[in-house]
Amino acid sequence: MKINKKNKKVFGFTLVELLVVIAIIGVLTTLIMVNFVGSRERAGDSKKMQNLTALKSALRMYYNDFQTYPADKSVILGTGFTGYILDLGDTGFEYTLTNGGDGFILRTELESGAGIDTGISQLNCGIAVGSTEANVYAVCSN
């Protein structure tokens, strides 16, 4: 019995083809991982910014009831303020009264920074250009 070598088909990959495919997969994996590295920090920063916006609304409701903003941060964190906002999360904010109690500035430090949003948020609150801080997001009463 003779085996005809012309009809015999061999399927396989050469070493060069395998190395090229592995290199392509490695490059694609690296590109995808770079995009996901800071996603947890960006999500936390987004949550902090949302919490500050919600706190701004709660402080405005407090102002409508008492015609002044809370004297200090302890009032906001106290149990008497829960009627205005239920959960502040882990915002880690700073609270400063302005305009003799008729205004406020809330500030929090972001992990990854929000790019241009941090500087613009501070400028919108009247913080001078030379006084702005990197990675600090601000919300104010105006």
N, C-alpha and C. Protein backbone atom coordinates (compact mmCIF):
# COMPACT_ATOMS: atom_id res chain seq x y z
N MET A 1 0.84 -1.16 0.00
CA MET A 1 0.00 0.00 0.00
C MET A 1 0.90 1.24 0.00
N LYS A 2 0.68 2.05 -0.97
CA LYS A 2 1.47 3.25 -1.11
C LYS A 2 0.69 4.47 -0.60
N ILE A 3 1.40 5.36 0.06
CA ILE A 3 0.79 6.61 0.52
C ILE A 3 1.20 7.70 -0.46
N ASN A 4 0.22 8.33 -0.99
CA ASN A 4 0.48 9.39 -1.94
C ASN A 4 0.75 10.70 -1.18
N LYS A 5 1.96 11.21 -1.26
CA LYS A 5 2.33 12.41 -0.51
C LYS A 5 1.68 13.66 -1.08
N LYS A 6 1.26 13.63 -2.32
CA LYS A 6 0.63 14.80 -2.91
C LYS A 6 -0.74 15.07 -2.31
N ASN A 7 -1.48 14.05 -1.91
CA ASN A 7 -2.83 14.21 -1.37
C ASN A 7 -2.83 14.43 0.14
N LYS A 8 -1.71 14.22 0.78
CA LYS A 8 -1.64 14.37 2.23
C LYS A 8 -1.55 15.86 2.57
N LYS A 9 -2.53 16.33 3.36
CA LYS A 9 -2.57 17.74 3.77
C LYS A 9 -2.17 17.83 5.22
N VAL A 10 -1.28 18.75 5.52
CA VAL A 10 -0.82 18.97 6.88
C VAL A 10 -1.25 20.37 7.29
N PHE A 11 -2.00 20.43 8.41
CA PHE A 11 -2.43 21.71 8.93
C PHE A 11 -1.60 22.03 10.16
N GLY A 12 -1.12 23.22 10.23
CA GLY A 12 -0.33 23.63 11.38
C GLY A 12 0.18 25.04 11.18
N PHE A 13 0.82 25.54 12.21
CA PHE A 13 1.34 26.89 12.18
C PHE A 13 2.84 26.82 12.37
N THR A 14 3.51 27.72 11.70
CA THR A 14 4.95 27.79 11.90
C THR A 14 5.24 28.56 13.18
N LEU A 15 6.44 28.47 13.64
CA LEU A 15 6.85 29.15 14.86
C LEU A 15 6.72 30.67 14.69
N VAL A 16 7.05 31.18 13.53
CA VAL A 16 6.96 32.62 13.27
C VAL A 16 5.51 33.08 13.35
N GLU A 17 4.60 32.33 12.78
CA GLU A 17 3.18 32.69 12.83
C GLU A 17 2.67 32.71 14.27
N LEU A 18 3.04 31.74 15.06
CA LEU A 18 2.63 31.70 16.46
C LEU A 18 3.20 32.89 17.23
N LEU A 19 4.45 33.22 17.01
CA LEU A 19 5.06 34.36 17.69
C LEU A 19 4.39 35.68 17.31
N VAL A 20 4.01 35.84 16.06
CA VAL A 20 3.32 37.06 15.62
C VAL A 20 1.97 37.18 16.30
N VAL A 21 1.22 36.10 16.37
CA VAL A 21 -0.09 36.12 17.01
C VAL A 21 0.05 36.42 18.51
N ILE A 22 1.01 35.81 19.17
CA ILE A 22 1.22 36.06 20.59
C ILE A 22 1.61 37.52 20.82
N ALA A 23 2.44 38.08 19.95
CA ALA A 23 2.84 39.49 20.09
C ALA A 23 1.64 40.41 19.92
N ILE A 24 0.78 40.13 18.96
CA ILE A 24 -0.42 40.96 18.74
C ILE A 24 -1.34 40.89 19.95
N ILE A 25 -1.55 39.70 20.48
CA ILE A 25 -2.39 39.55 21.67
C ILE A 25 -1.79 40.30 22.85
N GLY A 26 -0.47 40.25 23.00
CA GLY A 26 0.20 40.97 24.08
C GLY A 26 0.01 42.48 23.97
N VAL A 27 0.14 43.02 22.77
CA VAL A 27 -0.03 44.46 22.56
C VAL A 27 -1.48 44.87 22.86
N LEU A 28 -2.43 44.11 22.37
CA LEU A 28 -3.85 44.43 22.63
C LEU A 28 -4.17 44.36 24.12
N THR A 29 -3.64 43.37 24.81
CA THR A 29 -3.87 43.23 26.25
C THR A 29 -3.28 44.43 27.00
N THR A 30 -2.10 44.86 26.61
CA THR A 30 -1.48 46.02 27.24
C THR A 30 -2.32 47.27 27.04
N LEU A 31 -2.81 47.49 25.84
CA LEU A 31 -3.64 48.66 25.57
C LEU A 31 -4.93 48.64 26.39
N ILE A 32 -5.54 47.51 26.52
CA ILE A 32 -6.79 47.39 27.29
C ILE A 32 -6.52 47.62 28.77
N MET A 33 -5.44 47.06 29.30
CA MET A 33 -5.14 47.20 30.72
C MET A 33 -4.84 48.65 31.09
N VAL A 34 -4.19 49.39 30.21
CA VAL A 34 -3.88 50.79 30.48
C VAL A 34 -5.18 51.58 30.68
N ASN A 35 -6.20 51.26 29.92
CA ASN A 35 -7.48 51.96 30.04
C ASN A 35 -8.19 51.63 31.34
N PHE A 36 -7.98 50.47 31.92
CA PHE A 36 -8.70 50.06 33.12
C PHE A 36 -7.96 50.34 34.42
N VAL A 37 -6.70 50.71 34.35
CA VAL A 37 -5.90 50.89 35.55
C VAL A 37 -6.50 51.94 36.48
N GLY A 38 -6.88 53.09 35.96
CA GLY A 38 -7.39 54.17 36.80
C GLY A 38 -8.90 54.21 36.92
N SER A 39 -9.58 53.18 36.45
CA SER A 39 -11.05 53.24 36.45
C SER A 39 -11.64 53.27 37.86
N ARG A 40 -11.04 52.58 38.80
CA ARG A 40 -11.54 52.58 40.17
C ARG A 40 -11.40 53.96 40.80
N GLU A 41 -10.26 54.62 40.57
CA GLU A 41 -10.05 55.96 41.10
C GLU A 41 -11.01 56.95 40.46
N ARG A 42 -11.19 56.84 39.15
CA ARG A 42 -12.11 57.75 38.45
C ARG A 42 -13.54 57.55 38.93
N ALA A 43 -13.93 56.32 39.20
CA ALA A 43 -15.28 56.05 39.71
C ALA A 43 -15.46 56.65 41.10
N GLY A 44 -14.45 56.53 41.95
CA GLY A 44 -14.51 57.12 43.29
C GLY A 44 -14.60 58.64 43.22
N ASP A 45 -13.83 59.24 42.31
CA ASP A 45 -13.87 60.69 42.14
C ASP A 45 -15.24 61.15 41.66
N SER A 46 -15.81 60.41 40.75
CA SER A 46 -17.15 60.75 40.26
C SER A 46 -18.18 60.70 41.38
N LYS A 47 -18.07 59.70 42.22
CA LYS A 47 -18.98 59.56 43.37
C LYS A 47 -18.81 60.75 44.33
N LYS A 48 -17.57 61.15 44.58
CA LYS A 48 -17.32 62.30 45.47
C LYS A 48 -17.95 63.57 44.88
N MET A 49 -17.81 63.78 43.58
CA MET A 49 -18.37 64.97 42.96
C MET A 49 -19.90 64.95 43.02
N GLN A 50 -20.50 63.78 42.83
CA GLN A 50 -21.96 63.67 42.93
C GLN A 50 -22.42 63.93 44.37
N ASN A 51 -21.67 63.42 45.35
CA ASN A 51 -22.02 63.65 46.75
C ASN A 51 -21.96 65.13 47.10
N LEU A 52 -20.96 65.85 46.58
CA LEU A 52 -20.88 67.28 46.85
C LEU A 52 -22.04 68.04 46.23
N THR A 53 -22.45 67.63 45.04
CA THR A 53 -23.60 68.28 44.40
C THR A 53 -24.88 68.01 45.19
N ALA A 54 -25.05 66.79 45.69
CA ALA A 54 -26.21 66.48 46.52
C ALA A 54 -26.17 67.25 47.84
N LEU A 55 -24.99 67.38 48.42
CA LEU A 55 -24.84 68.14 49.66
C LEU A 55 -25.14 69.62 49.43
N LYS A 56 -24.78 70.13 48.27
CA LYS A 56 -25.11 71.52 47.93
C LYS A 56 -26.62 71.73 47.96
N SER A 57 -27.36 70.80 47.37
CA SER A 57 -28.83 70.90 47.37
C SER A 57 -29.38 70.81 48.79
N ALA A 58 -28.81 69.92 49.60
CA ALA A 58 -29.26 69.78 50.99
C ALA A 58 -28.98 71.05 51.78
N LEU A 59 -27.82 71.66 51.55
CA LEU A 59 -27.48 72.90 52.24
C LEU A 59 -28.41 74.04 51.83
N ARG A 60 -28.82 74.06 50.58
CA ARG A 60 -29.78 75.08 50.14
C ARG A 60 -31.15 74.88 50.80
N MET A 61 -31.55 73.63 50.97
CA MET A 61 -32.82 73.38 51.67
C MET A 61 -32.70 73.80 53.14
N TYR A 62 -31.56 73.54 53.75
CA TYR A 62 -31.31 73.98 55.13
C TYR A 62 -31.39 75.50 55.21
N TYR A 63 -30.80 76.18 54.24
CA TYR A 63 -30.83 77.64 54.21
C TYR A 63 -32.27 78.16 54.09
N ASN A 64 -33.08 77.50 53.29
CA ASN A 64 -34.48 77.91 53.15
C ASN A 64 -35.23 77.81 54.47
N ASP A 65 -34.86 76.84 55.30
CA ASP A 65 -35.53 76.67 56.59
C ASP A 65 -35.02 77.62 57.66
N PHE A 66 -33.71 77.92 57.66
CA PHE A 66 -33.11 78.69 58.76
C PHE A 66 -32.52 80.04 58.34
N GLN A 67 -32.55 80.39 57.06
CA GLN A 67 -32.01 81.63 56.51
C GLN A 67 -30.51 81.82 56.81
N THR A 68 -29.83 80.77 57.06
CA THR A 68 -28.38 80.76 57.20
C THR A 68 -27.89 79.33 56.95
N TYR A 69 -26.63 79.23 56.59
CA TYR A 69 -26.04 77.91 56.40
C TYR A 69 -25.49 77.42 57.73
N PRO A 70 -25.28 76.13 57.89
CA PRO A 70 -24.74 75.61 59.15
C PRO A 70 -23.41 76.28 59.51
N ALA A 71 -23.22 76.46 60.80
CA ALA A 71 -22.03 77.17 61.28
C ALA A 71 -20.74 76.39 61.00
N ASP A 72 -20.79 75.07 61.10
CA ASP A 72 -19.60 74.28 60.85
C ASP A 72 -19.97 72.89 60.36
N LYS A 73 -18.95 72.13 60.04
CA LYS A 73 -19.12 70.80 59.46
C LYS A 73 -19.81 69.82 60.41
N SER A 74 -19.65 70.02 61.72
CA SER A 74 -20.25 69.09 62.68
C SER A 74 -21.77 69.10 62.59
N VAL A 75 -22.37 70.22 62.23
CA VAL A 75 -23.83 70.28 62.05
C VAL A 75 -24.24 69.40 60.87
N ILE A 76 -23.47 69.47 59.80
CA ILE A 76 -23.78 68.68 58.60
C ILE A 76 -23.65 67.19 58.89
N LEU A 77 -22.65 66.82 59.66
CA LEU A 77 -22.42 65.41 59.97
C LEU A 77 -23.32 64.91 61.10
N GLY A 78 -24.01 65.82 61.79
CA GLY A 78 -24.86 65.44 62.92
C GLY A 78 -26.18 64.83 62.49
N THR A 79 -26.89 64.32 63.47
CA THR A 79 -28.16 63.64 63.19
C THR A 79 -29.26 64.61 62.80
N GLY A 80 -29.15 65.87 63.18
CA GLY A 80 -30.17 66.84 62.83
C GLY A 80 -30.20 67.19 61.35
N PHE A 81 -29.15 66.85 60.64
CA PHE A 81 -29.06 67.18 59.21
C PHE A 81 -29.56 66.04 58.32
N THR A 82 -29.87 64.88 58.91
CA THR A 82 -30.28 63.73 58.11
C THR A 82 -31.62 63.95 57.41
N GLY A 83 -32.40 64.92 57.84
CA GLY A 83 -33.63 65.23 57.13
C GLY A 83 -33.39 65.87 55.78
N TYR A 84 -32.18 66.34 55.57
CA TYR A 84 -31.84 67.00 54.31
C TYR A 84 -31.06 66.09 53.36
N ILE A 85 -30.24 65.24 53.92
CA ILE A 85 -29.47 64.28 53.11
C ILE A 85 -29.23 63.04 53.97
N LEU A 86 -29.41 61.88 53.37
CA LEU A 86 -29.30 60.64 54.14
C LEU A 86 -27.86 60.14 54.27
N ASP A 87 -27.13 60.12 53.17
CA ASP A 87 -25.81 59.50 53.22
C ASP A 87 -24.82 60.35 52.42
N LEU A 88 -23.77 60.76 53.07
CA LEU A 88 -22.72 61.52 52.39
C LEU A 88 -21.64 60.62 51.81
N GLY A 89 -21.67 59.36 52.16
CA GLY A 89 -20.64 58.45 51.69
C GLY A 89 -19.28 58.83 52.26
N ASP A 90 -18.25 58.44 51.58
CA ASP A 90 -16.88 58.73 52.02
C ASP A 90 -16.34 59.90 51.21
N THR A 91 -16.99 61.05 51.36
CA THR A 91 -16.62 62.21 50.55
C THR A 91 -15.38 62.89 51.07
N GLY A 92 -15.20 62.98 52.38
CA GLY A 92 -14.03 63.63 52.95
C GLY A 92 -13.94 65.09 52.55
N PHE A 93 -15.00 65.83 52.74
CA PHE A 93 -15.06 67.21 52.26
C PHE A 93 -14.66 68.21 53.33
N GLU A 94 -14.28 69.39 52.86
CA GLU A 94 -14.04 70.54 53.73
C GLU A 94 -15.19 71.51 53.52
N TYR A 95 -15.64 72.14 54.61
CA TYR A 95 -16.77 73.06 54.55
C TYR A 95 -16.33 74.41 55.09
N THR A 96 -16.55 75.46 54.29
CA THR A 96 -16.17 76.81 54.68
C THR A 96 -17.34 77.75 54.44
N LEU A 97 -17.71 78.52 55.45
CA LEU A 97 -18.73 79.55 55.28
C LEU A 97 -18.14 80.77 54.61
N THR A 98 -18.94 81.44 53.77
CA THR A 98 -18.51 82.67 53.11
C THR A 98 -19.64 83.70 53.24
N ASN A 99 -19.36 84.92 52.93
CA ASN A 99 -20.34 86.01 52.92
C ASN A 99 -21.09 86.12 54.24
N GLY A 100 -20.42 85.96 55.34
CA GLY A 100 -21.05 86.10 56.65
C GLY A 100 -22.17 85.10 56.90
N GLY A 101 -22.04 83.90 56.39
CA GLY A 101 -23.05 82.87 56.62
C GLY A 101 -24.07 82.76 55.49
N ASP A 102 -23.95 83.59 54.47
CA ASP A 102 -24.88 83.54 53.34
C ASP A 102 -24.33 82.75 52.16
N GLY A 103 -23.21 82.11 52.34
CA GLY A 103 -22.62 81.31 51.28
C GLY A 103 -21.70 80.25 51.87
N PHE A 104 -21.26 79.34 51.02
CA PHE A 104 -20.37 78.27 51.47
C PHE A 104 -19.52 77.79 50.30
N ILE A 105 -18.44 77.12 50.65
CA ILE A 105 -17.62 76.40 49.67
C ILE A 105 -17.36 75.01 50.23
N LEU A 106 -17.65 74.01 49.43
CA LEU A 106 -17.35 72.61 49.75
C LEU A 106 -16.18 72.20 48.86
N ARG A 107 -15.18 71.56 49.45
CA ARG A 107 -14.02 71.12 48.68
C ARG A 107 -13.69 69.69 49.06
N THR A 108 -13.24 68.91 48.08
CA THR A 108 -12.77 67.57 48.32
C THR A 108 -11.61 67.27 47.39
N GLU A 109 -10.68 66.47 47.87
CA GLU A 109 -9.53 66.09 47.06
C GLU A 109 -9.87 64.83 46.28
N LEU A 110 -9.57 64.84 45.00
CA LEU A 110 -9.83 63.70 44.13
C LEU A 110 -8.57 62.87 43.97
N GLU A 111 -8.75 61.57 43.80
CA GLU A 111 -7.61 60.66 43.67
C GLU A 111 -6.91 60.79 42.32
N SER A 112 -7.69 60.70 41.27
CA SER A 112 -7.09 60.75 39.94
C SER A 112 -7.15 62.14 39.35
N GLY A 113 -7.84 63.04 40.02
CA GLY A 113 -8.04 64.37 39.46
C GLY A 113 -9.07 64.30 38.36
N ALA A 114 -9.75 65.37 38.12
CA ALA A 114 -10.78 65.37 37.09
C ALA A 114 -10.34 66.25 35.93
N GLY A 115 -9.05 66.40 35.79
CA GLY A 115 -8.55 67.21 34.70
C GLY A 115 -8.91 68.67 34.88
N ILE A 116 -9.46 69.24 33.85
CA ILE A 116 -9.78 70.66 33.86
C ILE A 116 -10.96 70.98 34.77
N ASP A 117 -11.78 69.98 35.11
CA ASP A 117 -12.94 70.21 35.98
C ASP A 117 -12.55 70.77 37.34
N THR A 118 -11.42 70.34 37.88
CA THR A 118 -11.03 70.81 39.21
C THR A 118 -10.72 72.29 39.21
N GLY A 119 -9.95 72.74 38.25
CA GLY A 119 -9.62 74.16 38.17
C GLY A 119 -10.84 75.02 37.89
N ILE A 120 -11.69 74.57 36.98
CA ILE A 120 -12.90 75.34 36.64
C ILE A 120 -13.84 75.40 37.83
N SER A 121 -13.98 74.30 38.56
CA SER A 121 -14.88 74.30 39.72
C SER A 121 -14.41 75.30 40.77
N GLN A 122 -13.11 75.40 40.96
CA GLN A 122 -12.57 76.35 41.94
C GLN A 122 -12.74 77.79 41.46
N LEU A 123 -12.52 78.02 40.18
CA LEU A 123 -12.70 79.37 39.63
C LEU A 123 -14.16 79.80 39.71
N ASN A 124 -15.09 78.87 39.48
CA ASN A 124 -16.52 79.18 39.58
C ASN A 124 -16.92 79.57 41.00
N CYS A 125 -16.17 79.12 41.98
CA CYS A 125 -16.46 79.45 43.38
C CYS A 125 -15.71 80.70 43.84
N GLY A 126 -15.05 81.38 42.94
CA GLY A 126 -14.38 82.62 43.28
C GLY A 126 -12.99 82.44 43.86
N ILE A 127 -12.42 81.26 43.73
CA ILE A 127 -11.05 81.05 44.19
C ILE A 127 -10.12 81.61 43.12
N ALA A 128 -9.22 82.47 43.50
CA ALA A 128 -8.34 83.17 42.56
C ALA A 128 -7.47 82.18 41.79
N VAL A 129 -7.10 82.57 40.59
CA VAL A 129 -6.33 81.70 39.70
C VAL A 129 -5.06 81.20 40.36
N GLY A 130 -4.31 82.03 41.04
CA GLY A 130 -3.07 81.60 41.68
C GLY A 130 -3.28 80.75 42.92
N SER A 131 -4.51 80.73 43.44
CA SER A 131 -4.80 80.00 44.67
C SER A 131 -5.41 78.62 44.43
N THR A 132 -5.68 78.27 43.19
CA THR A 132 -6.31 76.98 42.91
C THR A 132 -5.35 75.84 43.26
N GLU A 133 -5.92 74.72 43.67
CA GLU A 133 -5.13 73.56 44.05
C GLU A 133 -5.38 72.42 43.07
N ALA A 134 -4.35 71.69 42.75
CA ALA A 134 -4.48 70.55 41.85
C ALA A 134 -5.27 69.45 42.53
N ASN A 135 -6.10 68.76 41.79
CA ASN A 135 -6.90 67.62 42.25
C ASN A 135 -7.91 67.98 43.34
N VAL A 136 -8.30 69.23 43.45
CA VAL A 136 -9.31 69.63 44.42
C VAL A 136 -10.54 70.10 43.66
N TYR A 137 -11.67 69.47 43.96
CA TYR A 137 -12.95 69.84 43.33
C TYR A 137 -13.74 70.66 44.32
N ALA A 138 -14.33 71.75 43.85
CA ALA A 138 -15.07 72.66 44.73
C ALA A 138 -16.50 72.87 44.23
N VAL A 139 -17.40 73.00 45.19
CA VAL A 139 -18.80 73.33 44.93
C VAL A 139 -19.15 74.47 45.88
N CYS A 140 -19.86 75.46 45.38
CA CYS A 140 -20.20 76.60 46.23
C CYS A 140 -21.68 76.93 46.13
N SER A 141 -22.11 77.86 46.95
CA SER A 141 -23.53 78.17 47.05
C SER A 141 -24.08 78.89 45.84
N ASN A 142 -23.24 79.58 45.07
CA ASN A 142 -23.77 80.34 43.92
C ASN A 142 -23.99 79.48 42.71
